[in-house]
Amino acid sequence: MKTATIREAQHNFSALLRLVQRGEEIQVLSRKNPVARIVPVKPISSSSGKVNWAGHESRLKRLWKGRTAGGTTMDSLLNDLRGER
């Protein structure tokens, strides 16, 4: 783990962020005492960052088991939610 003083971090912040983007961790020191750590963000679990909705309709139908909301069937509610796709 690399270290930087507060002054170094202030003057070279963009360079430190480039190191962090490459996977480095930076420990920020104030008078030789650690006060902060700059670490890379964990990547989103799916590669595109989008939610996988496969199987969502069947799960909702199983949960609702044909019940209606205000006289509307689940099929029509789902179709309204989908909009024009």
C-alpha atoms as a PDB file:
ATOM      1  CA  MET A   1       0.000   0.000   0.000  1.00  0.00           C
ATOM      2  CA  LYS A   2       1.343   3.383  -0.976  1.00  0.00           C
ATOM      3  CA  THR A   3       1.241   6.353   1.390  1.00  0.00           C
ATOM      4  CA  ALA A   4       0.838  10.074   0.849  1.00  0.00           C
ATOM      5  CA  THR A   5       0.707  13.020   3.207  1.00  0.00           C
ATOM      6  CA  ILE A   6      -2.322  15.287   3.191  1.00  0.00           C
ATOM      7  CA  ARG A   7      -0.289  17.915   1.363  1.00  0.00           C
ATOM      8  CA  GLU A   8       0.837  15.409  -1.288  1.00  0.00           C
ATOM      9  CA  ALA A   9      -2.741  14.212  -1.690  1.00  0.00           C
ATOM     10  CA  GLN A  10      -3.988  17.780  -2.169  1.00  0.00           C
ATOM     11  CA  HIS A  11      -1.353  18.647  -4.754  1.00  0.00           C
ATOM     12  CA  ASN A  12      -1.371  15.329  -6.652  1.00  0.00           C
ATOM     13  CA  PHE A  13      -4.944  14.135  -6.252  1.00  0.00           C
ATOM     14  CA  SER A  14      -5.506  13.246  -9.912  1.00  0.00           C
ATOM     15  CA  ALA A  15      -2.262  11.230  -9.992  1.00  0.00           C
ATOM     16  CA  LEU A  16      -3.331   9.374  -6.836  1.00  0.00           C
ATOM     17  CA  LEU A  17      -6.719   8.608  -8.399  1.00  0.00           C
ATOM     18  CA  ARG A  18      -4.995   7.155 -11.453  1.00  0.00           C
ATOM     19  CA  LEU A  19      -3.088   4.808  -9.136  1.00  0.00           C
ATOM     20  CA  VAL A  20      -6.327   3.837  -7.422  1.00  0.00           C
ATOM     21  CA  GLN A  21      -7.961   3.145 -10.796  1.00  0.00           C
ATOM     22  CA  ARG A  22      -5.173   0.655 -11.470  1.00  0.00           C
ATOM     23  CA  GLY A  23      -5.984  -1.164  -8.221  1.00  0.00           C
ATOM     24  CA  GLU A  24      -3.592   0.501  -5.761  1.00  0.00           C
ATOM     25  CA  GLU A  25      -4.650   1.510  -2.251  1.00  0.00           C
ATOM     26  CA  ILE A  26      -3.405   4.829  -0.897  1.00  0.00           C
ATOM     27  CA  GLN A  27      -3.096   5.561   2.800  1.00  0.00           C
ATOM     28  CA  VAL A  28      -3.255   9.274   3.651  1.00  0.00           C
ATOM     29  CA  LEU A  29      -1.101  10.387   6.589  1.00  0.00           C
ATOM     30  CA  SER A  30      -1.266  13.396   8.863  1.00  0.00           C
ATOM     31  CA  ARG A  31       1.947  13.830  10.824  1.00  0.00           C
ATOM     32  CA  LYS A  32       2.848  10.180  10.189  1.00  0.00           C
ATOM     33  CA  ASN A  33      -0.539   8.987  11.486  1.00  0.00           C
ATOM     34  CA  PRO A  34      -2.980   7.316   9.078  1.00  0.00           C
ATOM     35  CA  VAL A  35      -6.191   9.306   8.702  1.00  0.00           C
ATOM     36  CA  ALA A  36      -7.743   7.911   5.535  1.00  0.00           C
ATOM     37  CA  ARG A  37      -7.471   5.268   2.880  1.00  0.00           C
ATOM     38  CA  ILE A  38      -8.368   5.676  -0.774  1.00  0.00           C
ATOM     39  CA  VAL A  39      -9.370   2.326  -2.264  1.00  0.00           C
ATOM     40  CA  PRO A  40     -10.780   1.229  -5.633  1.00  0.00           C
ATOM     41  CA  VAL A  41     -14.545   0.836  -5.865  1.00  0.00           C
ATOM     42  CA  LYS A  42     -15.740  -2.750  -6.184  1.00  0.00           C
ATOM     43  CA  PRO A  43     -17.114  -3.443  -9.665  1.00  0.00           C
ATOM     44  CA  ILE A  44     -20.839  -3.935 -10.192  1.00  0.00           C
ATOM     45  CA  SER A  45     -21.674  -7.639 -10.168  1.00  0.00           C
ATOM     46  CA  SER A  46     -23.129  -7.750 -13.683  1.00  0.00           C
ATOM     47  CA  SER A  47     -20.911  -6.648 -16.529  1.00  0.00           C
ATOM     48  CA  SER A  48     -23.398  -4.150 -17.971  1.00  0.00           C
ATOM     49  CA  GLY A  49     -24.671  -2.787 -14.657  1.00  0.00           C
ATOM     50  CA  LYS A  50     -28.209  -3.649 -15.682  1.00  0.00           C
ATOM     51  CA  VAL A  51     -30.655  -5.754 -13.685  1.00  0.00           C
ATOM     52  CA  ASN A  52     -31.473  -9.166 -15.115  1.00  0.00           C
ATOM     53  CA  TRP A  53     -35.269  -9.378 -15.191  1.00  0.00           C
ATOM     54  CA  ALA A  54     -35.405 -12.871 -16.735  1.00  0.00           C
ATOM     55  CA  GLY A  55     -38.020 -14.941 -14.938  1.00  0.00           C
ATOM     56  CA  HIS A  56     -39.488 -11.913 -13.175  1.00  0.00           C
ATOM     57  CA  GLU A  57     -42.950 -12.314 -14.703  1.00  0.00           C
ATOM     58  CA  SER A  58     -43.286 -15.957 -13.653  1.00  0.00           C
ATOM     59  CA  ARG A  59     -42.120 -15.105 -10.127  1.00  0.00           C
ATOM     60  CA  LEU A  60     -44.746 -12.356  -9.831  1.00  0.00           C
ATOM     61  CA  LYS A  61     -47.479 -14.661 -11.107  1.00  0.00           C
ATOM     62  CA  ARG A  62     -46.448 -17.274  -8.564  1.00  0.00           C
ATOM     63  CA  LEU A  63     -46.560 -14.685  -5.772  1.00  0.00           C
ATOM     64  CA  TRP A  64     -49.915 -13.231  -6.776  1.00  0.00           C
ATOM     65  CA  LYS A  65     -51.473 -16.573  -7.877  1.00  0.00           C
ATOM     66  CA  GLY A  66     -54.038 -14.940 -10.133  1.00  0.00           C
ATOM     67  CA  ARG A  67     -55.119 -12.332  -7.582  1.00  0.00           C
ATOM     68  CA  THR A  68     -56.201  -8.986  -8.887  1.00  0.00           C
ATOM     69  CA  ALA A  69     -55.524  -5.426  -7.827  1.00  0.00           C
ATOM     70  CA  GLY A  70     -58.613  -3.261  -8.060  1.00  0.00           C
ATOM     71  CA  GLY A  71     -60.254  -5.605 -10.564  1.00  0.00           C
ATOM     72  CA  THR A  72     -57.200  -5.656 -12.859  1.00  0.00           C
ATOM     73  CA  THR A  73     -55.465  -8.949 -13.625  1.00  0.00           C
ATOM     74  CA  MET A  74     -51.738  -9.425 -13.152  1.00  0.00           C
ATOM     75  CA  ASP A  75     -51.282  -9.889 -16.904  1.00  0.00           C
ATOM     76  CA  SER A  76     -52.731  -6.469 -17.664  1.00  0.00           C
ATOM     77  CA  LEU A  77     -50.730  -4.857 -14.838  1.00  0.00           C
ATOM     78  CA  LEU A  78     -47.514  -6.355 -16.194  1.00  0.00           C
ATOM     79  CA  ASN A  79     -48.347  -5.243 -19.719  1.00  0.00           C
ATOM     80  CA  ASP A  80     -48.962  -1.683 -18.459  1.00  0.00           C
ATOM     81  CA  LEU A  81     -45.624  -1.703 -16.617  1.00  0.00           C
ATOM     82  CA  ARG A  82     -43.772  -2.884 -19.702  1.00  0.00           C
ATOM     83  CA  GLY A  83     -45.092  -0.038 -21.761  1.00  0.00           C
ATOM     84  CA  GLU A  84     -44.251   0.012 -25.436  1.00  0.00           C
ATOM     85  CA  ARG A  85     -41.236  -2.259 -25.817  1.00  0.00           C
END
